[in-house]
Amino acid sequence: MRRIFLVIYVLFCIEIGGFLFFLPWLPLWLNNGLVAHWPTLRHVLELAFVRGAISGLGLVDVWVGISEAIHYREHP
């Protein structure tokens, strides 16, 4: 059961991390309904610092998933 949980957890971390890493640099990031209604939010999301911070969180998430997979030990 622990192995199944680990596989699901690692895949989830890598998927969400990849999503967070690439999404801020895609056109979808600024061209959506949520940002269209709030121009101040759009201005904040256009900042390279914010995009870089969210991409950094994505890399950390991928790193956590891979680290969990590498350091997994089976306990009797």
PDB file of N, CA and C in Angstrom:
ATOM      1  N   MET A   1       0.821  -1.192   0.000  1.00  0.00           N
ATOM      2  CA  MET A   1       0.000   0.000   0.000  1.00  0.00           C
ATOM      3  C   MET A   1       0.867   1.259   0.000  1.00  0.00           C
ATOM      4  N   ARG A   2       1.989   1.201   0.724  1.00  0.00           N
ATOM      5  CA  ARG A   2       2.884   2.356   0.767  1.00  0.00           C
ATOM      6  C   ARG A   2       3.497   2.636  -0.603  1.00  0.00           C
ATOM      7  N   ARG A   3       3.787   1.588  -1.352  1.00  0.00           N
ATOM      8  CA  ARG A   3       4.354   1.778  -2.694  1.00  0.00           C
ATOM      9  C   ARG A   3       3.368   2.459  -3.628  1.00  0.00           C
ATOM     10  N   ILE A   4       2.121   2.050  -3.552  1.00  0.00           N
ATOM     11  CA  ILE A   4       1.100   2.662  -4.401  1.00  0.00           C
ATOM     12  C   ILE A   4       0.946   4.130  -4.057  1.00  0.00           C
ATOM     13  N   PHE A   5       0.907   4.430  -2.759  1.00  0.00           N
ATOM     14  CA  PHE A   5       0.821   5.824  -2.331  1.00  0.00           C
ATOM     15  C   PHE A   5       2.028   6.613  -2.818  1.00  0.00           C
ATOM     16  N   LEU A   6       3.214   6.018  -2.723  1.00  0.00           N
ATOM     17  CA  LEU A   6       4.429   6.702  -3.168  1.00  0.00           C
ATOM     18  C   LEU A   6       4.382   6.996  -4.661  1.00  0.00           C
ATOM     19  N   VAL A   7       3.959   6.032  -5.458  1.00  0.00           N
ATOM     20  CA  VAL A   7       3.883   6.230  -6.909  1.00  0.00           C
ATOM     21  C   VAL A   7       2.888   7.342  -7.237  1.00  0.00           C
ATOM     22  N   ILE A   8       1.732   7.315  -6.592  1.00  0.00           N
ATOM     23  CA  ILE A   8       0.736   8.363  -6.831  1.00  0.00           C
ATOM     24  C   ILE A   8       1.267   9.713  -6.393  1.00  0.00           C
ATOM     25  N   TYR A   9       1.915   9.765  -5.238  1.00  0.00           N
ATOM     26  CA  TYR A   9       2.463  11.020  -4.720  1.00  0.00           C
ATOM     27  C   TYR A   9       3.547  11.589  -5.637  1.00  0.00           C
ATOM     28  N   VAL A  10       4.445  10.728  -6.093  1.00  0.00           N
ATOM     29  CA  VAL A  10       5.534  11.181  -6.974  1.00  0.00           C
ATOM     30  C   VAL A  10       4.979  11.671  -8.308  1.00  0.00           C
ATOM     31  N   LEU A  11       4.050  10.948  -8.886  1.00  0.00           N
ATOM     32  CA  LEU A  11       3.449  11.387 -10.147  1.00  0.00           C
ATOM     33  C   LEU A  11       2.689  12.700  -9.981  1.00  0.00           C
ATOM     34  N   PHE A  12       1.990  12.840  -8.854  1.00  0.00           N
ATOM     35  CA  PHE A  12       1.265  14.077  -8.577  1.00  0.00           C
ATOM     36  C   PHE A  12       2.240  15.250  -8.449  1.00  0.00           C
ATOM     37  N   CYS A  13       3.317  15.060  -7.702  1.00  0.00           N
ATOM     38  CA  CYS A  13       4.304  16.134  -7.526  1.00  0.00           C
ATOM     39  C   CYS A  13       4.945  16.536  -8.851  1.00  0.00           C
ATOM     40  N   ILE A  14       5.303  15.569  -9.656  1.00  0.00           N
ATOM     41  CA  ILE A  14       5.942  15.877 -10.932  1.00  0.00           C
ATOM     42  C   ILE A  14       4.957  16.558 -11.881  1.00  0.00           C
ATOM     43  N   GLU A  15       3.722  16.099 -11.895  1.00  0.00           N
ATOM     44  CA  GLU A  15       2.730  16.704 -12.782  1.00  0.00           C
ATOM     45  C   GLU A  15       2.417  18.144 -12.368  1.00  0.00           C
ATOM     46  N   ILE A  16       2.145  18.373 -11.105  1.00  0.00           N
ATOM     47  CA  ILE A  16       1.843  19.723 -10.628  1.00  0.00           C
ATOM     48  C   ILE A  16       3.069  20.618 -10.771  1.00  0.00           C
ATOM     49  N   GLY A  17       4.245  20.083 -10.497  1.00  0.00           N
ATOM     50  CA  GLY A  17       5.469  20.866 -10.642  1.00  0.00           C
ATOM     51  C   GLY A  17       5.715  21.286 -12.086  1.00  0.00           C
ATOM     52  N   GLY A  18       5.519  20.376 -13.011  1.00  0.00           N
ATOM     53  CA  GLY A  18       5.673  20.724 -14.425  1.00  0.00           C
ATOM     54  C   GLY A  18       4.656  21.752 -14.873  1.00  0.00           C
ATOM     55  N   PHE A  19       3.439  21.599 -14.380  1.00  0.00           N
ATOM     56  CA  PHE A  19       2.379  22.559 -14.680  1.00  0.00           C
ATOM     57  C   PHE A  19       2.759  23.952 -14.158  1.00  0.00           C
ATOM     58  N   LEU A  20       3.217  24.029 -12.900  1.00  0.00           N
ATOM     59  CA  LEU A  20       3.600  25.321 -12.332  1.00  0.00           C
ATOM     60  C   LEU A  20       4.850  25.893 -12.987  1.00  0.00           C
ATOM     61  N   PHE A  21       5.723  25.035 -13.480  1.00  0.00           N
ATOM     62  CA  PHE A  21       6.946  25.515 -14.112  1.00  0.00           C
ATOM     63  C   PHE A  21       6.668  26.163 -15.468  1.00  0.00           C
ATOM     64  N   PHE A  22       5.782  25.557 -16.259  1.00  0.00           N
ATOM     65  CA  PHE A  22       5.554  26.046 -17.619  1.00  0.00           C
ATOM     66  C   PHE A  22       4.399  27.038 -17.759  1.00  0.00           C
ATOM     67  N   LEU A  23       3.385  26.935 -16.921  1.00  0.00           N
ATOM     68  CA  LEU A  23       2.188  27.759 -17.080  1.00  0.00           C
ATOM     69  C   LEU A  23       2.451  29.262 -17.090  1.00  0.00           C
ATOM     70  N   PRO A  24       3.285  29.819 -16.212  1.00  0.00           N
ATOM     71  CA  PRO A  24       3.458  31.280 -16.229  1.00  0.00           C
ATOM     72  C   PRO A  24       4.038  31.837 -17.530  1.00  0.00           C
ATOM     73  N   TRP A  25       4.631  31.009 -18.340  1.00  0.00           N
ATOM     74  CA  TRP A  25       5.261  31.488 -19.569  1.00  0.00           C
ATOM     75  C   TRP A  25       4.400  31.223 -20.798  1.00  0.00           C
ATOM     76  N   LEU A  26       3.232  30.646 -20.622  1.00  0.00           N
ATOM     77  CA  LEU A  26       2.313  30.397 -21.731  1.00  0.00           C
ATOM     78  C   LEU A  26       1.337  31.565 -21.881  1.00  0.00           C
ATOM     79  N   PRO A  27       0.790  31.778 -23.081  1.00  0.00           N
ATOM     80  CA  PRO A  27      -0.188  32.861 -23.280  1.00  0.00           C
ATOM     81  C   PRO A  27      -1.443  32.705 -22.417  1.00  0.00           C
ATOM     82  N   LEU A  28      -1.785  31.491 -22.053  1.00  0.00           N
ATOM     83  CA  LEU A  28      -2.954  31.241 -21.217  1.00  0.00           C
ATOM     84  C   LEU A  28      -2.844  31.937 -19.860  1.00  0.00           C
ATOM     85  N   TRP A  29      -1.633  32.180 -19.409  1.00  0.00           N
ATOM     86  CA  TRP A  29      -1.389  32.800 -18.105  1.00  0.00           C
ATOM     87  C   TRP A  29      -2.080  34.161 -17.988  1.00  0.00           C
ATOM     88  N   LEU A  30      -2.079  34.959 -19.053  1.00  0.00           N
ATOM     89  CA  LEU A  30      -2.666  36.296 -19.006  1.00  0.00           C
ATOM     90  C   LEU A  30      -3.954  36.415 -19.811  1.00  0.00           C
ATOM     91  N   ASN A  31      -4.252  35.453 -20.642  1.00  0.00           N
ATOM     92  CA  ASN A  31      -5.454  35.510 -21.482  1.00  0.00           C
ATOM     93  C   ASN A  31      -6.515  34.543 -20.972  1.00  0.00           C
ATOM     94  N   ASN A  32      -7.072  34.847 -19.816  1.00  0.00           N
ATOM     95  CA  ASN A  32      -8.156  34.024 -19.285  1.00  0.00           C
ATOM     96  C   ASN A  32      -9.200  34.921 -18.632  1.00  0.00           C
ATOM     97  N   GLY A  33     -10.339  34.371 -18.322  1.00  0.00           N
ATOM     98  CA  GLY A  33     -11.452  35.150 -17.803  1.00  0.00           C
ATOM     99  C   GLY A  33     -11.195  35.767 -16.439  1.00  0.00           C
ATOM    100  N   LEU A  34     -10.474  35.073 -15.583  1.00  0.00           N
ATOM    101  CA  LEU A  34     -10.205  35.599 -14.249  1.00  0.00           C
ATOM    102  C   LEU A  34      -9.375  36.871 -14.302  1.00  0.00           C
ATOM    103  N   VAL A  35      -8.344  36.876 -15.103  1.00  0.00           N
ATOM    104  CA  VAL A  35      -7.456  38.032 -15.199  1.00  0.00           C
ATOM    105  C   VAL A  35      -8.121  39.172 -15.973  1.00  0.00           C
ATOM    106  N   ALA A  36      -9.012  38.857 -16.875  1.00  0.00           N
ATOM    107  CA  ALA A  36      -9.684  39.893 -17.668  1.00  0.00           C
ATOM    108  C   ALA A  36     -10.557  40.802 -16.805  1.00  0.00           C
ATOM    109  N   HIS A  37     -11.085  40.281 -15.716  1.00  0.00           N
ATOM    110  CA  HIS A  37     -11.962  41.071 -14.857  1.00  0.00           C
ATOM    111  C   HIS A  37     -11.214  41.899 -13.821  1.00  0.00           C
ATOM    112  N   TRP A  38      -9.970  41.562 -13.542  1.00  0.00           N
ATOM    113  CA  TRP A  38      -9.182  42.284 -12.531  1.00  0.00           C
ATOM    114  C   TRP A  38      -7.871  42.770 -13.137  1.00  0.00           C
ATOM    115  N   PRO A  39      -7.817  44.012 -13.619  1.00  0.00           N
ATOM    116  CA  PRO A  39      -6.607  44.518 -14.258  1.00  0.00           C
ATOM    117  C   PRO A  39      -5.408  44.614 -13.307  1.00  0.00           C
ATOM    118  N   THR A  40      -5.663  44.841 -12.027  1.00  0.00           N
ATOM    119  CA  THR A  40      -4.550  44.907 -11.074  1.00  0.00           C
ATOM    120  C   THR A  40      -3.879  43.546 -10.941  1.00  0.00           C
ATOM    121  N   LEU A  41      -4.671  42.492 -10.898  1.00  0.00           N
ATOM    122  CA  LEU A  41      -4.119  41.141 -10.843  1.00  0.00           C
ATOM    123  C   LEU A  41      -3.321  40.841 -12.098  1.00  0.00           C
ATOM    124  N   ARG A  42      -3.817  41.288 -13.237  1.00  0.00           N
ATOM    125  CA  ARG A  42      -3.090  41.072 -14.495  1.00  0.00           C
ATOM    126  C   ARG A  42      -1.727  41.754 -14.460  1.00  0.00           C
ATOM    127  N   HIS A  43      -1.694  42.971 -13.919  1.00  0.00           N
ATOM    128  CA  HIS A  43      -0.420  43.695 -13.831  1.00  0.00           C
ATOM    129  C   HIS A  43       0.575  42.937 -12.937  1.00  0.00           C
ATOM    130  N   VAL A  44       0.094  42.403 -11.829  1.00  0.00           N
ATOM    131  CA  VAL A  44       0.970  41.653 -10.927  1.00  0.00           C
ATOM    132  C   VAL A  44       1.461  40.367 -11.594  1.00  0.00           C
ATOM    133  N   LEU A  45       0.568  39.668 -12.284  1.00  0.00           N
ATOM    134  CA  LEU A  45       0.947  38.409 -12.924  1.00  0.00           C
ATOM    135  C   LEU A  45       1.869  38.611 -14.124  1.00  0.00           C
ATOM    136  N   GLU A  46       1.929  39.824 -14.671  1.00  0.00           N
ATOM    137  CA  GLU A  46       2.844  40.106 -15.776  1.00  0.00           C
ATOM    138  C   GLU A  46       4.281  40.275 -15.306  1.00  0.00           C
ATOM    139  N   LEU A  47       4.489  40.532 -14.031  1.00  0.00           N
ATOM    140  CA  LEU A  47       5.834  40.762 -13.520  1.00  0.00           C
ATOM    141  C   LEU A  47       6.681  39.497 -13.647  1.00  0.00           C
ATOM    142  N   ALA A  48       7.897  39.679 -14.127  1.00  0.00           N
ATOM    143  CA  ALA A  48       8.801  38.540 -14.301  1.00  0.00           C
ATOM    144  C   ALA A  48       9.133  37.887 -12.960  1.00  0.00           C
ATOM    145  N   PHE A  49       9.175  38.685 -11.889  1.00  0.00           N
ATOM    146  CA  PHE A  49       9.455  38.124 -10.571  1.00  0.00           C
ATOM    147  C   PHE A  49       8.381  37.127 -10.158  1.00  0.00           C
ATOM    148  N   VAL A  50       7.131  37.464 -10.379  1.00  0.00           N
ATOM    149  CA  VAL A  50       6.026  36.580 -10.006  1.00  0.00           C
ATOM    150  C   VAL A  50       6.067  35.317 -10.855  1.00  0.00           C
ATOM    151  N   ARG A  51       6.290  35.481 -12.141  1.00  0.00           N
ATOM    152  CA  ARG A  51       6.386  34.310 -13.022  1.00  0.00           C
ATOM    153  C   ARG A  51       7.541  33.407 -12.605  1.00  0.00           C
ATOM    154  N   GLY A  52       8.675  34.018 -12.296  1.00  0.00           N
ATOM    155  CA  GLY A  52       9.839  33.241 -11.866  1.00  0.00           C
ATOM    156  C   GLY A  52       9.611  32.553 -10.534  1.00  0.00           C
ATOM    157  N   ALA A  53       8.930  33.231  -9.613  1.00  0.00           N
ATOM    158  CA  ALA A  53       8.647  32.623  -8.313  1.00  0.00           C
ATOM    159  C   ALA A  53       7.737  31.407  -8.456  1.00  0.00           C
ATOM    160  N   ILE A  54       6.731  31.502  -9.300  1.00  0.00           N
ATOM    161  CA  ILE A  54       5.825  30.367  -9.493  1.00  0.00           C
ATOM    162  C   ILE A  54       6.532  29.233 -10.223  1.00  0.00           C
ATOM    163  N   SER A  55       7.383  29.568 -11.176  1.00  0.00           N
ATOM    164  CA  SER A  55       8.178  28.527 -11.841  1.00  0.00           C
ATOM    165  C   SER A  55       9.133  27.869 -10.851  1.00  0.00           C
ATOM    166  N   GLY A  56       9.688  28.649  -9.948  1.00  0.00           N
ATOM    167  CA  GLY A  56      10.566  28.101  -8.916  1.00  0.00           C
ATOM    168  C   GLY A  56       9.824  27.145  -7.993  1.00  0.00           C
ATOM    169  N   LEU A  57       8.589  27.484  -7.639  1.00  0.00           N
ATOM    170  CA  LEU A  57       7.778  26.565  -6.837  1.00  0.00           C
ATOM    171  C   LEU A  57       7.535  25.257  -7.585  1.00  0.00           C
ATOM    172  N   GLY A  58       7.358  25.366  -8.898  1.00  0.00           N
ATOM    173  CA  GLY A  58       7.190  24.161  -9.702  1.00  0.00           C
ATOM    174  C   GLY A  58       8.427  23.282  -9.676  1.00  0.00           C
ATOM    175  N   LEU A  59       9.601  23.902  -9.779  1.00  0.00           N
ATOM    176  CA  LEU A  59      10.841  23.126  -9.717  1.00  0.00           C
ATOM    177  C   LEU A  59      11.027  22.473  -8.354  1.00  0.00           C
ATOM    178  N   VAL A  60      10.686  23.186  -7.301  1.00  0.00           N
ATOM    179  CA  VAL A  60      10.775  22.616  -5.961  1.00  0.00           C
ATOM    180  C   VAL A  60       9.829  21.426  -5.827  1.00  0.00           C
ATOM    181  N   ASP A  61       8.654  21.538  -6.385  1.00  0.00           N
ATOM    182  CA  ASP A  61       7.687  20.450  -6.321  1.00  0.00           C
ATOM    183  C   ASP A  61       8.194  19.216  -7.070  1.00  0.00           C
ATOM    184  N   VAL A  62       8.775  19.412  -8.231  1.00  0.00           N
ATOM    185  CA  VAL A  62       9.359  18.292  -8.981  1.00  0.00           C
ATOM    186  C   VAL A  62      10.495  17.671  -8.178  1.00  0.00           C
ATOM    187  N   TRP A  63      11.323  18.503  -7.574  1.00  0.00           N
ATOM    188  CA  TRP A  63      12.448  18.028  -6.781  1.00  0.00           C
ATOM    189  C   TRP A  63      11.970  17.208  -5.582  1.00  0.00           C
ATOM    190  N   VAL A  64      10.912  17.650  -4.920  1.00  0.00           N
ATOM    191  CA  VAL A  64      10.364  16.911  -3.776  1.00  0.00           C
ATOM    192  C   VAL A  64       9.872  15.532  -4.225  1.00  0.00           C
ATOM    193  N   GLY A  65       9.180  15.477  -5.335  1.00  0.00           N
ATOM    194  CA  GLY A  65       8.696  14.189  -5.837  1.00  0.00           C
ATOM    195  C   GLY A  65       9.817  13.228  -6.169  1.00  0.00           C
ATOM    196  N   ILE A  66      10.828  13.717  -6.857  1.00  0.00           N
ATOM    197  CA  ILE A  66      11.968  12.859  -7.215  1.00  0.00           C
ATOM    198  C   ILE A  66      12.742  12.449  -5.975  1.00  0.00           C
ATOM    199  N   SER A  67      12.906  13.363  -5.042  1.00  0.00           N
ATOM    200  CA  SER A  67      13.612  13.062  -3.802  1.00  0.00           C
ATOM    201  C   SER A  67      12.889  11.986  -3.001  1.00  0.00           C
ATOM    202  N   GLU A  68      11.582  12.069  -2.942  1.00  0.00           N
ATOM    203  CA  GLU A  68      10.811  11.037  -2.242  1.00  0.00           C
ATOM    204  C   GLU A  68      10.999   9.680  -2.907  1.00  0.00           C
ATOM    205  N   ALA A  69      11.027   9.657  -4.217  1.00  0.00           N
ATOM    206  CA  ALA A  69      11.205   8.384  -4.930  1.00  0.00           C
ATOM    207  C   ALA A  69      12.600   7.809  -4.692  1.00  0.00           C
ATOM    208  N   ILE A  70      13.602   8.658  -4.667  1.00  0.00           N
ATOM    209  CA  ILE A  70      14.977   8.192  -4.490  1.00  0.00           C
ATOM    210  C   ILE A  70      15.213   7.692  -3.067  1.00  0.00           C
ATOM    211  N   HIS A  71      14.661   8.395  -2.091  1.00  0.00           N
ATOM    212  CA  HIS A  71      14.935   8.070  -0.694  1.00  0.00           C
ATOM    213  C   HIS A  71      13.919   7.103  -0.075  1.00  0.00           C
ATOM    214  N   TYR A  72      13.107   6.490  -0.884  1.00  0.00           N
ATOM    215  CA  TYR A  72      12.127   5.527  -0.361  1.00  0.00           C
ATOM    216  C   TYR A  72      12.831   4.270   0.112  1.00  0.00           C
ATOM    217  N   ARG A  73      12.498   3.849   1.318  1.00  0.00           N
ATOM    218  CA  ARG A  73      13.036   2.622   1.868  1.00  0.00           C
ATOM    219  C   ARG A  73      11.884   1.752   2.346  1.00  0.00           C
ATOM    220  N   GLU A  74      11.964   0.490   2.051  1.00  0.00           N
ATOM    221  CA  GLU A  74      10.947  -0.459   2.470  1.00  0.00           C
ATOM    222  C   GLU A  74      11.276  -0.916   3.894  1.00  0.00           C
ATOM    223  N   HIS A  75      10.338  -0.714   4.807  1.00  0.00           N
ATOM    224  CA  HIS A  75      10.544  -1.129   6.192  1.00  0.00           C
ATOM    225  C   HIS A  75       9.796  -2.449   6.437  1.00  0.00           C
ATOM    226  N   PRO A  76      10.460  -3.393   7.092  1.00  0.00           N
ATOM    227  CA  PRO A  76       9.778  -4.673   7.340  1.00  0.00           C
ATOM    228  C   PRO A  76       8.666  -4.575   8.374  1.00  0.00           C
TER     229      PRO A  76
END
